[in-house]
């Protein structure tokens, strides 16, 4: 295949990854659909996070289809892109300077890893039955550990405390209200053993929630 003009190469590259990028973006967004079915405090905690991730992924996909190809065509205009088809390594003249050599080594290493990964992926796809079996085993292993995985965002805990709200008659003097609270404490100590009571606090007046 002969060399393509930079603009045509950028458009072809963007077209080739359009479907995989869309599927990957959709997969990430689908994960957060379950947040819609949450109830209680977890709903108000995780729904904004899920919406932020979904909107960020949508914006990322939009930019990858518009701004990124334009910047690639602009920034790579003066670059040399000769690549040896046998090794997958660049045959362009080595860049001068410390950062240039570092960038060249990184690019060569990335291309080498990509070449090995492509060969491994091709071998995996050639054995479709083995690949399907291994994938099925990986999915089945999730059901094995399912009984040991928690299902609550907020696990049930025993904090060892409880709160009582006592409301006296309107207009009652503070001294009389204190007597009522003392009687409530006495009843609590009768019901709950003294060994299980560490501290009883009285907050007489308007509660903090009423402000």
N, C-alpha and C. Protein backbone atom coordinates (compact mmCIF):
# COMPACT_ATOMS: atom_id res chain seq x y z
N UNK A 1 0.85 -1.18 0.00
CA UNK A 1 0.00 0.00 0.00
C UNK A 1 0.89 1.24 0.00
N UNK A 2 0.64 2.14 -0.92
CA UNK A 2 1.46 3.32 -1.03
C UNK A 2 1.16 4.33 0.07
N UNK A 3 2.02 5.32 0.14
CA UNK A 3 1.82 6.34 1.15
C UNK A 3 0.61 7.19 0.82
N UNK A 4 -0.17 7.50 1.84
CA UNK A 4 -1.35 8.34 1.67
C UNK A 4 -1.02 9.76 2.10
N UNK A 5 -1.68 10.71 1.52
CA UNK A 5 -1.54 12.09 2.04
C UNK A 5 -1.99 12.13 3.50
N UNK A 6 -1.41 13.06 4.25
CA UNK A 6 -1.69 13.13 5.68
C UNK A 6 -3.17 13.30 5.95
N UNK A 7 -3.84 14.16 5.22
CA UNK A 7 -5.26 14.39 5.47
C UNK A 7 -6.07 13.13 5.23
N UNK A 8 -5.76 12.41 4.15
CA UNK A 8 -6.49 11.18 3.87
C UNK A 8 -6.19 10.12 4.92
N UNK A 9 -4.94 10.06 5.39
CA UNK A 9 -4.58 9.08 6.42
C UNK A 9 -5.30 9.37 7.73
N UNK A 10 -5.41 10.65 8.09
CA UNK A 10 -6.11 11.01 9.31
C UNK A 10 -7.59 10.66 9.22
N UNK A 11 -8.21 10.95 8.08
CA UNK A 11 -9.62 10.63 7.91
C UNK A 11 -9.86 9.12 7.92
N UNK A 12 -8.97 8.37 7.27
CA UNK A 12 -9.12 6.91 7.28
C UNK A 12 -8.95 6.34 8.69
N UNK A 13 -7.95 6.85 9.43
CA UNK A 13 -7.75 6.39 10.79
C UNK A 13 -8.94 6.70 11.68
N UNK A 14 -9.50 7.90 11.53
CA UNK A 14 -10.67 8.27 12.33
C UNK A 14 -11.87 7.41 11.98
N UNK A 15 -12.02 7.08 10.69
CA UNK A 15 -13.15 6.24 10.28
C UNK A 15 -13.01 4.81 10.78
N UNK A 16 -11.79 4.30 10.85
CA UNK A 16 -11.57 2.91 11.26
C UNK A 16 -11.86 2.70 12.75
N UNK A 17 -11.65 3.71 13.57
CA UNK A 17 -11.88 3.55 15.00
C UNK A 17 -13.23 4.11 15.44
N UNK A 18 -14.05 4.56 14.49
CA UNK A 18 -15.33 5.17 14.86
C UNK A 18 -16.23 4.18 15.59
N UNK A 19 -16.41 3.00 15.01
CA UNK A 19 -17.29 2.00 15.64
C UNK A 19 -16.72 1.46 16.94
N UNK A 20 -15.44 1.04 17.00
CA UNK A 20 -14.91 0.57 18.30
C UNK A 20 -14.98 1.64 19.39
N UNK A 21 -14.71 2.88 19.05
CA UNK A 21 -14.77 3.94 20.05
C UNK A 21 -16.20 4.15 20.54
N UNK A 22 -17.15 4.10 19.61
CA UNK A 22 -18.55 4.26 20.01
C UNK A 22 -19.00 3.12 20.91
N UNK A 23 -18.61 1.89 20.57
CA UNK A 23 -18.99 0.73 21.39
C UNK A 23 -18.36 0.82 22.78
N UNK A 24 -17.08 1.22 22.85
CA UNK A 24 -16.41 1.35 24.14
C UNK A 24 -17.07 2.44 24.99
N UNK A 25 -17.42 3.55 24.37
CA UNK A 25 -18.09 4.63 25.10
C UNK A 25 -19.45 4.18 25.59
N UNK A 26 -20.19 3.49 24.73
CA UNK A 26 -21.51 3.00 25.12
C UNK A 26 -21.43 1.97 26.25
N UNK A 27 -20.39 1.14 26.23
CA UNK A 27 -20.21 0.13 27.28
C UNK A 27 -19.99 0.79 28.64
N UNK A 28 -19.17 1.82 28.66
CA UNK A 28 -18.91 2.51 29.93
C UNK A 28 -20.17 3.20 30.44
N UNK A 29 -20.95 3.79 29.53
CA UNK A 29 -22.17 4.48 29.95
C UNK A 29 -23.22 3.50 30.46
N UNK A 30 -23.29 2.31 29.85
CA UNK A 30 -24.29 1.32 30.26
C UNK A 30 -24.03 0.86 31.69
N UNK A 31 -22.77 0.83 32.10
CA UNK A 31 -22.44 0.38 33.46
C UNK A 31 -23.16 1.23 34.50
N UNK A 32 -23.34 2.51 34.21
CA UNK A 32 -23.91 3.42 35.19
C UNK A 32 -25.43 3.49 35.12
N UNK A 33 -26.05 2.69 34.25
CA UNK A 33 -27.51 2.68 34.19
C UNK A 33 -28.10 2.14 35.50
N UNK A 34 -27.41 1.20 36.13
CA UNK A 34 -27.91 0.61 37.38
C UNK A 34 -28.06 1.64 38.49
N UNK A 35 -27.32 2.75 38.40
CA UNK A 35 -27.41 3.78 39.44
C UNK A 35 -28.81 4.39 39.47
N UNK A 36 -29.53 4.37 38.35
CA UNK A 36 -30.87 4.94 38.29
C UNK A 36 -31.83 4.21 39.22
N UNK A 37 -31.57 2.93 39.47
CA UNK A 37 -32.47 2.12 40.28
C UNK A 37 -32.12 2.15 41.77
N UNK A 38 -31.14 2.93 42.17
CA UNK A 38 -30.80 3.02 43.58
C UNK A 38 -31.87 3.79 44.34
N UNK A 39 -31.96 3.51 45.60
CA UNK A 39 -32.90 4.23 46.48
C UNK A 39 -32.16 4.68 47.74
N UNK A 40 -32.76 5.60 48.45
CA UNK A 40 -32.18 6.05 49.71
C UNK A 40 -30.99 6.98 49.51
N UNK A 41 -30.13 7.07 50.52
CA UNK A 41 -28.97 7.99 50.43
C UNK A 41 -28.04 7.66 49.28
N UNK A 42 -27.90 6.36 48.92
CA UNK A 42 -27.01 5.99 47.84
C UNK A 42 -27.42 6.64 46.52
N UNK A 43 -28.72 6.83 46.33
CA UNK A 43 -29.20 7.47 45.09
C UNK A 43 -28.67 8.89 44.96
N UNK A 44 -28.72 9.65 46.06
CA UNK A 44 -28.29 11.05 46.01
C UNK A 44 -26.77 11.17 46.00
N UNK A 45 -26.06 10.14 46.43
CA UNK A 45 -24.60 10.18 46.42
C UNK A 45 -24.02 9.80 45.07
N UNK A 46 -24.59 8.75 44.43
CA UNK A 46 -23.97 8.19 43.24
C UNK A 46 -24.61 8.64 41.94
N UNK A 47 -25.83 9.16 41.97
CA UNK A 47 -26.45 9.63 40.72
C UNK A 47 -25.68 10.80 40.11
N UNK A 48 -25.28 11.84 40.86
CA UNK A 48 -24.48 12.91 40.23
C UNK A 48 -23.16 12.40 39.66
N UNK A 49 -22.52 11.45 40.36
CA UNK A 49 -21.28 10.91 39.83
C UNK A 49 -21.50 10.18 38.52
N UNK A 50 -22.58 9.38 38.45
CA UNK A 50 -22.88 8.63 37.22
C UNK A 50 -23.18 9.58 36.07
N UNK A 51 -23.95 10.62 36.34
CA UNK A 51 -24.26 11.59 35.28
C UNK A 51 -23.01 12.31 34.81
N UNK A 52 -22.12 12.63 35.74
CA UNK A 52 -20.87 13.30 35.35
C UNK A 52 -20.02 12.41 34.44
N UNK A 53 -19.94 11.12 34.77
CA UNK A 53 -19.15 10.20 33.94
C UNK A 53 -19.77 10.05 32.56
N UNK A 54 -21.09 9.90 32.50
CA UNK A 54 -21.77 9.71 31.22
C UNK A 54 -21.60 10.94 30.33
N UNK A 55 -21.82 12.12 30.89
CA UNK A 55 -21.67 13.34 30.09
C UNK A 55 -20.22 13.54 29.66
N UNK A 56 -19.26 13.18 30.53
CA UNK A 56 -17.85 13.30 30.17
C UNK A 56 -17.50 12.34 29.03
N UNK A 57 -18.03 11.12 29.07
CA UNK A 57 -17.77 10.16 28.00
C UNK A 57 -18.39 10.62 26.68
N UNK A 58 -19.58 11.19 26.74
CA UNK A 58 -20.22 11.69 25.52
C UNK A 58 -19.43 12.85 24.93
N UNK A 59 -18.96 13.75 25.79
CA UNK A 59 -18.15 14.86 25.30
C UNK A 59 -16.82 14.36 24.74
N UNK A 60 -16.24 13.35 25.39
CA UNK A 60 -14.99 12.79 24.89
C UNK A 60 -15.16 12.17 23.51
N UNK A 61 -16.25 11.43 23.32
CA UNK A 61 -16.50 10.83 22.01
C UNK A 61 -16.71 11.90 20.95
N UNK A 62 -17.44 12.95 21.29
CA UNK A 62 -17.67 14.04 20.33
C UNK A 62 -16.35 14.70 19.93
N UNK A 63 -15.48 14.93 20.90
CA UNK A 63 -14.19 15.55 20.60
C UNK A 63 -13.30 14.61 19.77
N UNK A 64 -13.39 13.31 20.03
CA UNK A 64 -12.58 12.36 19.27
C UNK A 64 -13.01 12.29 17.82
N UNK A 65 -14.25 12.67 17.53
CA UNK A 65 -14.75 12.65 16.15
C UNK A 65 -14.52 13.97 15.44
N UNK A 66 -14.24 15.04 16.18
CA UNK A 66 -14.15 16.37 15.56
C UNK A 66 -12.79 17.03 15.79
N UNK A 67 -12.49 17.36 17.04
CA UNK A 67 -11.30 18.14 17.33
C UNK A 67 -10.01 17.35 17.18
N UNK A 68 -10.01 16.08 17.63
CA UNK A 68 -8.77 15.29 17.60
C UNK A 68 -8.26 15.07 16.18
N UNK A 69 -9.09 14.68 15.19
CA UNK A 69 -8.55 14.56 13.83
C UNK A 69 -7.99 15.87 13.27
N UNK A 70 -8.66 16.98 13.61
CA UNK A 70 -8.16 18.27 13.13
C UNK A 70 -6.80 18.58 13.73
N UNK A 71 -6.64 18.36 15.02
CA UNK A 71 -5.35 18.60 15.66
C UNK A 71 -4.28 17.65 15.15
N UNK A 72 -4.65 16.38 14.87
CA UNK A 72 -3.68 15.43 14.34
C UNK A 72 -3.17 15.89 12.98
N UNK A 73 -4.08 16.34 12.12
CA UNK A 73 -3.67 16.83 10.80
C UNK A 73 -2.81 18.08 10.91
N UNK A 74 -3.07 18.90 11.94
CA UNK A 74 -2.30 20.13 12.10
C UNK A 74 -0.93 19.87 12.71
N UNK A 75 -0.87 19.04 13.74
CA UNK A 75 0.38 18.82 14.47
C UNK A 75 1.33 17.88 13.73
N UNK A 76 0.81 16.96 12.93
CA UNK A 76 1.66 15.99 12.23
C UNK A 76 2.03 16.45 10.83
N UNK A 77 1.75 17.69 10.52
CA UNK A 77 2.00 18.17 9.16
C UNK A 77 3.48 18.13 8.80
N UNK A 78 4.35 18.43 9.74
CA UNK A 78 5.78 18.46 9.45
C UNK A 78 6.53 17.23 9.90
N UNK A 79 5.84 16.16 10.30
CA UNK A 79 6.48 14.95 10.79
C UNK A 79 6.77 13.97 9.65
N UNK A 80 7.75 13.10 9.86
CA UNK A 80 8.05 12.02 8.93
C UNK A 80 7.50 10.72 9.52
N UNK A 81 6.85 9.92 8.69
CA UNK A 81 6.11 8.77 9.18
C UNK A 81 6.49 7.49 8.46
N UNK A 82 7.74 7.38 8.03
CA UNK A 82 8.15 6.15 7.37
C UNK A 82 8.28 5.04 8.40
N UNK A 83 7.69 3.90 8.13
CA UNK A 83 7.72 2.75 9.03
C UNK A 83 8.09 1.51 8.23
N UNK A 84 9.02 0.73 8.79
CA UNK A 84 9.43 -0.51 8.14
C UNK A 84 8.31 -1.54 8.30
N UNK A 85 7.75 -2.04 7.19
CA UNK A 85 6.63 -2.98 7.32
C UNK A 85 7.04 -4.32 7.93
N UNK A 86 8.34 -4.67 7.92
CA UNK A 86 8.78 -5.95 8.48
C UNK A 86 8.89 -5.90 10.00
N UNK A 87 9.43 -4.82 10.52
CA UNK A 87 9.63 -4.71 11.97
C UNK A 87 8.59 -3.86 12.66
N UNK A 88 7.90 -3.02 11.89
CA UNK A 88 6.95 -2.10 12.50
C UNK A 88 7.60 -0.91 13.16
N UNK A 89 8.93 -0.76 13.02
CA UNK A 89 9.67 0.34 13.64
C UNK A 89 9.87 1.45 12.63
N UNK A 90 10.06 2.64 13.16
CA UNK A 90 10.20 3.81 12.31
C UNK A 90 11.58 3.84 11.66
N UNK A 91 11.61 4.17 10.35
CA UNK A 91 12.86 4.36 9.62
C UNK A 91 13.20 5.83 9.46
N UNK A 92 12.44 6.70 10.09
CA UNK A 92 12.71 8.13 9.99
C UNK A 92 14.00 8.47 10.72
N UNK A 93 14.70 9.52 10.29
CA UNK A 93 15.92 9.92 10.97
C UNK A 93 15.67 10.18 12.45
N UNK A 94 16.63 9.73 13.27
CA UNK A 94 16.48 9.90 14.71
C UNK A 94 16.52 11.38 15.09
N UNK A 95 15.62 11.74 16.00
CA UNK A 95 15.56 13.12 16.44
C UNK A 95 16.76 13.43 17.32
N UNK A 96 17.18 14.67 17.29
CA UNK A 96 18.31 15.11 18.11
C UNK A 96 17.80 15.65 19.44
N UNK A 97 18.68 15.65 20.42
CA UNK A 97 18.32 16.16 21.72
C UNK A 97 17.83 15.06 22.64
N UNK A 98 17.88 15.36 23.96
CA UNK A 98 17.50 14.35 24.95
C UNK A 98 16.04 13.97 24.83
N UNK A 99 15.16 14.97 24.72
CA UNK A 99 13.74 14.67 24.64
C UNK A 99 13.37 14.03 23.31
N UNK A 100 14.08 14.40 22.27
CA UNK A 100 13.81 13.77 20.98
C UNK A 100 14.17 12.30 20.99
N UNK A 101 15.34 11.97 21.57
CA UNK A 101 15.73 10.56 21.64
C UNK A 101 14.79 9.78 22.57
N UNK A 102 14.36 10.41 23.67
CA UNK A 102 13.43 9.74 24.58
C UNK A 102 12.10 9.47 23.89
N UNK A 103 11.62 10.44 23.12
CA UNK A 103 10.36 10.25 22.40
C UNK A 103 10.50 9.16 21.34
N UNK A 104 11.65 9.12 20.65
CA UNK A 104 11.87 8.09 19.62
C UNK A 104 11.91 6.70 20.24
N UNK A 105 12.58 6.55 21.39
CA UNK A 105 12.62 5.24 22.06
C UNK A 105 11.24 4.82 22.54
N UNK A 106 10.47 5.78 23.04
CA UNK A 106 9.11 5.45 23.47
C UNK A 106 8.26 4.98 22.30
N UNK A 107 8.35 5.68 21.18
CA UNK A 107 7.57 5.29 20.01
C UNK A 107 7.97 3.91 19.51
N UNK A 108 9.28 3.63 19.45
CA UNK A 108 9.73 2.32 18.99
C UNK A 108 9.27 1.22 19.95
N UNK A 109 9.35 1.49 21.27
CA UNK A 109 8.89 0.50 22.23
C UNK A 109 7.40 0.26 22.13
N UNK A 110 6.64 1.33 21.93
CA UNK A 110 5.18 1.18 21.80
C UNK A 110 4.83 0.36 20.56
N UNK A 111 5.50 0.63 19.45
CA UNK A 111 5.22 -0.12 18.22
C UNK A 111 5.60 -1.58 18.38
N UNK A 112 6.71 -1.86 19.09
CA UNK A 112 7.12 -3.25 19.31
C UNK A 112 6.08 -3.99 20.16
N UNK A 113 5.60 -3.35 21.23
CA UNK A 113 4.57 -3.97 22.08
C UNK A 113 3.28 -4.17 21.30
N UNK A 114 2.94 -3.21 20.48
CA UNK A 114 1.72 -3.34 19.67
C UNK A 114 1.84 -4.49 18.69
N UNK A 115 3.02 -4.66 18.11
CA UNK A 115 3.21 -5.77 17.16
C UNK A 115 3.06 -7.11 17.86
N UNK A 116 3.65 -7.27 19.05
CA UNK A 116 3.52 -8.52 19.78
C UNK A 116 2.07 -8.75 20.22
N UNK A 117 1.41 -7.70 20.65
CA UNK A 117 0.02 -7.84 21.08
C UNK A 117 -0.87 -8.24 19.90
N UNK A 118 -0.62 -7.67 18.74
CA UNK A 118 -1.40 -8.02 17.56
C UNK A 118 -1.22 -9.48 17.20
N UNK A 119 0.03 -9.97 17.28
CA UNK A 119 0.28 -11.39 16.99
C UNK A 119 -0.41 -12.29 18.00
N UNK A 120 -0.37 -11.92 19.30
CA UNK A 120 -1.03 -12.72 20.33
C UNK A 120 -2.54 -12.71 20.14
N UNK A 121 -3.09 -11.56 19.81
CA UNK A 121 -4.53 -11.46 19.59
C UNK A 121 -4.95 -12.29 18.38
N UNK A 122 -4.13 -12.29 17.34
CA UNK A 122 -4.45 -13.09 16.17
C UNK A 122 -4.46 -14.58 16.50
N UNK A 123 -3.51 -15.04 17.30
CA UNK A 123 -3.49 -16.44 17.71
C UNK A 123 -4.72 -16.77 18.55
N UNK A 124 -5.13 -15.84 19.39
CA UNK A 124 -6.30 -16.06 20.23
C UNK A 124 -7.57 -16.16 19.38
N UNK A 125 -7.65 -15.33 18.34
CA UNK A 125 -8.83 -15.35 17.48
C UNK A 125 -8.84 -16.54 16.54
N UNK A 126 -7.68 -17.06 16.23
CA UNK A 126 -7.63 -18.25 15.37
C UNK A 126 -8.25 -19.46 16.07
N UNK A 127 -8.05 -19.58 17.37
CA UNK A 127 -8.68 -20.66 18.14
C UNK A 127 -9.96 -20.18 18.76
N UNK A 128 -11.01 -20.04 17.97
CA UNK A 128 -12.27 -19.45 18.45
C UNK A 128 -12.91 -20.31 19.53
N UNK A 129 -12.86 -21.62 19.39
CA UNK A 129 -13.48 -22.49 20.39
C UNK A 129 -12.79 -22.36 21.74
N UNK A 130 -11.46 -22.34 21.72
CA UNK A 130 -10.71 -22.18 22.96
C UNK A 130 -10.98 -20.81 23.58
N UNK A 131 -11.03 -19.79 22.72
CA UNK A 131 -11.30 -18.45 23.22
C UNK A 131 -12.69 -18.36 23.85
N UNK A 132 -13.67 -19.00 23.21
CA UNK A 132 -15.03 -18.98 23.75
C UNK A 132 -15.10 -19.73 25.08
N UNK A 133 -14.38 -20.85 25.18
CA UNK A 133 -14.37 -21.62 26.42
C UNK A 133 -13.73 -20.84 27.55
N UNK A 134 -12.59 -20.20 27.28
CA UNK A 134 -11.92 -19.42 28.32
C UNK A 134 -12.77 -18.23 28.76
N UNK A 135 -13.43 -17.60 27.80
CA UNK A 135 -14.30 -16.47 28.14
C UNK A 135 -15.47 -16.93 28.99
N UNK A 136 -16.04 -18.10 28.65
CA UNK A 136 -17.15 -18.64 29.45
C UNK A 136 -16.73 -18.97 30.86
N UNK A 137 -15.51 -19.52 31.01
CA UNK A 137 -15.01 -19.83 32.35
C UNK A 137 -14.80 -18.56 33.17
N UNK A 138 -14.31 -17.51 32.50
CA UNK A 138 -14.10 -16.24 33.21
C UNK A 138 -15.42 -15.67 33.71
N UNK A 139 -16.48 -15.76 32.86
CA UNK A 139 -17.80 -15.26 33.27
C UNK A 139 -18.37 -16.14 34.38
N UNK A 140 -18.20 -17.46 34.27
CA UNK A 140 -18.74 -18.37 35.29
C UNK A 140 -18.06 -18.16 36.64
N UNK A 141 -16.79 -17.77 36.63
CA UNK A 141 -16.09 -17.56 37.89
C UNK A 141 -16.71 -16.42 38.70
N UNK A 142 -17.37 -15.48 38.01
CA UNK A 142 -18.03 -14.38 38.72
C UNK A 142 -19.19 -14.91 39.57
N UNK A 143 -19.90 -15.93 39.08
CA UNK A 143 -21.00 -16.50 39.86
C UNK A 143 -20.50 -17.31 41.06
N UNK A 144 -19.27 -17.80 40.97
CA UNK A 144 -18.72 -18.56 42.09
C UNK A 144 -18.47 -17.66 43.29
N UNK A 145 -17.97 -16.45 43.04
CA UNK A 145 -17.65 -15.54 44.14
C UNK A 145 -18.84 -14.65 44.51
N UNK A 146 -19.97 -14.78 43.80
CA UNK A 146 -21.13 -13.93 44.07
C UNK A 146 -21.62 -14.03 45.51
N UNK A 147 -21.70 -15.23 46.13
CA UNK A 147 -22.17 -15.27 47.52
C UNK A 147 -21.27 -14.56 48.51
N UNK A 148 -20.02 -14.30 48.15
CA UNK A 148 -19.08 -13.66 49.07
C UNK A 148 -18.96 -12.16 48.84
N UNK A 149 -19.71 -11.63 47.89
CA UNK A 149 -19.62 -10.21 47.55
C UNK A 149 -20.82 -9.49 48.16
N UNK A 150 -20.55 -8.38 48.83
CA UNK A 150 -21.64 -7.62 49.41
C UNK A 150 -22.49 -6.94 48.36
N UNK A 151 -23.73 -6.67 48.69
CA UNK A 151 -24.66 -6.07 47.74
C UNK A 151 -25.16 -4.70 48.19
N UNK A 152 -24.69 -4.21 49.32
CA UNK A 152 -25.14 -2.92 49.85
C UNK A 152 -24.03 -1.90 49.73
N UNK A 153 -24.41 -0.68 49.33
CA UNK A 153 -23.44 0.41 49.32
C UNK A 153 -23.07 0.81 50.75
N UNK A 154 -24.05 0.73 51.65
CA UNK A 154 -23.82 1.06 53.05
C UNK A 154 -24.14 -0.19 53.87
N UNK A 155 -23.14 -0.93 54.31
CA UNK A 155 -23.41 -2.15 55.06
C UNK A 155 -24.09 -1.86 56.39
N UNK A 156 -24.87 -2.82 56.85
CA UNK A 156 -25.58 -2.66 58.10
C UNK A 156 -24.60 -2.78 59.27
N UNK A 157 -24.57 -1.77 60.09
CA UNK A 157 -23.67 -1.76 61.25
C UNK A 157 -24.48 -1.42 62.49
N UNK A 158 -23.99 -1.89 63.63
CA UNK A 158 -24.60 -1.58 64.92
C UNK A 158 -23.74 -0.53 65.60
N UNK A 159 -24.20 0.72 65.54
CA UNK A 159 -23.42 1.82 66.10
C UNK A 159 -23.49 1.86 67.62
N UNK A 160 -24.42 1.10 68.21
CA UNK A 160 -24.51 1.06 69.67
C UNK A 160 -25.10 2.30 70.28
N UNK A 161 -25.92 3.03 69.52
CA UNK A 161 -26.54 4.22 70.08
C UNK A 161 -27.91 4.44 69.43
N UNK A 162 -28.76 5.14 70.10
CA UNK A 162 -30.05 5.51 69.53
C UNK A 162 -30.44 6.88 70.07
N UNK A 163 -31.38 7.52 69.37
CA UNK A 163 -31.76 8.89 69.70
C UNK A 163 -33.26 8.94 69.96
N UNK A 164 -33.65 9.63 71.01
CA UNK A 164 -35.05 9.82 71.36
C UNK A 164 -35.38 11.31 71.28
N UNK A 165 -36.55 11.61 70.72
CA UNK A 165 -37.06 12.98 70.68
C UNK A 165 -38.27 13.06 71.61
N UNK A 166 -38.16 13.87 72.62
CA UNK A 166 -39.24 14.03 73.59
C UNK A 166 -39.77 15.45 73.48
N UNK A 167 -41.07 15.57 73.32
CA UNK A 167 -41.68 16.89 73.19
C UNK A 167 -42.65 17.11 74.34
N UNK A 168 -42.38 18.14 75.12
CA UNK A 168 -43.25 18.48 76.25
C UNK A 168 -44.34 19.45 75.80
N UNK A 169 -45.21 19.80 76.71
CA UNK A 169 -46.30 20.73 76.38
C UNK A 169 -45.74 22.11 76.07
N UNK A 170 -46.31 22.81 75.10
CA UNK A 170 -45.82 24.16 74.77
C UNK A 170 -45.94 25.10 75.97
N UNK A 171 -44.95 25.94 76.15
CA UNK A 171 -44.96 26.91 77.23
C UNK A 171 -44.47 26.38 78.56
N UNK A 172 -44.04 25.13 78.61
CA UNK A 172 -43.56 24.54 79.87
C UNK A 172 -42.22 25.14 80.23
N UNK A 173 -42.03 25.43 81.54
CA UNK A 173 -40.79 26.02 82.00
C UNK A 173 -39.63 25.04 81.81
N UNK A 174 -38.43 25.59 81.70
CA UNK A 174 -37.25 24.77 81.47
C UNK A 174 -37.00 23.81 82.62
N UNK A 175 -37.25 24.26 83.86
CA UNK A 175 -37.04 23.40 85.02
C UNK A 175 -37.97 22.19 84.98
N UNK A 176 -39.22 22.41 84.58
CA UNK A 176 -40.18 21.31 84.50
C UNK A 176 -39.81 20.34 83.37
N UNK A 177 -39.32 20.89 82.28
CA UNK A 177 -38.89 20.04 81.16
C UNK A 177 -37.73 19.16 81.58
N UNK A 178 -36.82 19.71 82.38
CA UNK A 178 -35.69 18.93 82.85
C UNK A 178 -36.14 17.77 83.73
N UNK A 179 -37.19 17.99 84.52
CA UNK A 179 -37.73 16.91 85.36
C UNK A 179 -38.28 15.78 84.49
N UNK A 180 -38.95 16.16 83.38
CA UNK A 180 -39.49 15.14 82.47
C UNK A 180 -38.36 14.33 81.85
N UNK A 181 -37.29 14.99 81.47
CA UNK A 181 -36.15 14.28 80.89
C UNK A 181 -35.52 13.33 81.91
N UNK A 182 -35.48 13.76 83.16
CA UNK A 182 -34.93 12.89 84.21
C UNK A 182 -35.76 11.62 84.36
N UNK A 183 -37.08 11.75 84.27
CA UNK A 183 -37.95 10.59 84.36
C UNK A 183 -37.74 9.65 83.16
N UNK A 184 -37.53 10.25 81.98
CA UNK A 184 -37.26 9.43 80.79
C UNK A 184 -35.97 8.65 80.96
N UNK A 185 -34.95 9.29 81.52
CA UNK A 185 -33.68 8.60 81.77
C UNK A 185 -33.87 7.45 82.75
N UNK A 186 -34.68 7.68 83.78
CA UNK A 186 -34.92 6.61 84.75
C UNK A 186 -35.59 5.41 84.10
N UNK A 187 -36.56 5.65 83.22
CA UNK A 187 -37.22 4.55 82.53
C UNK A 187 -36.25 3.81 81.60
N UNK A 188 -35.36 4.57 80.97
CA UNK A 188 -34.36 3.92 80.10
C UNK A 188 -33.44 3.02 80.91
N UNK A 189 -33.04 3.47 82.07
CA UNK A 189 -32.13 2.67 82.89
C UNK A 189 -32.83 1.43 83.45
N UNK A 190 -34.16 1.50 83.57
CA UNK A 190 -34.89 0.32 84.02
C UNK A 190 -34.96 -0.73 82.91
N UNK A 191 -35.07 -0.27 81.67
CA UNK A 191 -35.23 -1.20 80.54
C UNK A 191 -33.89 -1.75 80.09
N UNK A 192 -32.88 -0.87 80.04
CA UNK A 192 -31.56 -1.26 79.54
C UNK A 192 -30.65 -1.52 80.73
N UNK A 193 -29.94 -2.64 80.75
CA UNK A 193 -29.01 -2.91 81.88
C UNK A 193 -27.94 -1.83 81.98
N UNK A 194 -27.52 -1.57 83.20
CA UNK A 194 -26.51 -0.53 83.43
C UNK A 194 -25.19 -0.85 82.75
N UNK A 195 -24.87 -2.13 82.57
CA UNK A 195 -23.61 -2.51 81.93
C UNK A 195 -23.58 -2.15 80.44
N UNK A 196 -24.76 -1.92 79.85
CA UNK A 196 -24.83 -1.61 78.42
C UNK A 196 -25.02 -0.13 78.16
N UNK A 197 -25.11 0.67 79.22
CA UNK A 197 -25.26 2.12 79.07
C UNK A 197 -23.93 2.78 79.42
N UNK A 198 -23.36 3.45 78.47
CA UNK A 198 -22.11 4.16 78.72
C UNK A 198 -22.35 5.63 79.01
N UNK A 199 -23.29 6.24 78.29
CA UNK A 199 -23.50 7.68 78.47
C UNK A 199 -24.89 8.04 77.96
N UNK A 200 -25.55 8.95 78.67
CA UNK A 200 -26.83 9.50 78.24
C UNK A 200 -26.70 11.02 78.20
N UNK A 201 -26.96 11.59 77.05
CA UNK A 201 -26.86 13.04 76.88
C UNK A 201 -28.24 13.62 76.66
N UNK A 202 -28.52 14.73 77.33
CA UNK A 202 -29.80 15.44 77.17
C UNK A 202 -29.54 16.77 76.48
N UNK A 203 -30.31 17.03 75.44
CA UNK A 203 -30.24 18.32 74.74
C UNK A 203 -31.61 18.96 74.86
N UNK A 204 -31.77 19.80 75.85
CA UNK A 204 -33.06 20.41 76.13
C UNK A 204 -33.15 21.72 75.38
N UNK A 205 -34.19 21.87 74.63
CA UNK A 205 -34.39 23.07 73.81
C UNK A 205 -34.71 22.67 72.39
N UNK A 206 -34.52 23.57 71.48
CA UNK A 206 -34.81 23.30 70.06
C UNK A 206 -33.68 22.43 69.49
N UNK A 207 -34.07 21.42 68.72
CA UNK A 207 -33.07 20.53 68.13
C UNK A 207 -32.36 21.22 66.98
N UNK A 208 -31.17 20.68 66.62
CA UNK A 208 -30.39 21.29 65.54
C UNK A 208 -31.10 21.20 64.20
N UNK A 209 -32.00 20.17 64.02
CA UNK A 209 -32.68 20.01 62.75
C UNK A 209 -33.75 21.07 62.53
N UNK A 210 -34.17 21.76 63.63
CA UNK A 210 -35.25 22.74 63.49
C UNK A 210 -34.77 24.09 63.00
N UNK A 211 -33.43 24.31 62.97
CA UNK A 211 -32.92 25.60 62.51
C UNK A 211 -32.89 25.64 61.01
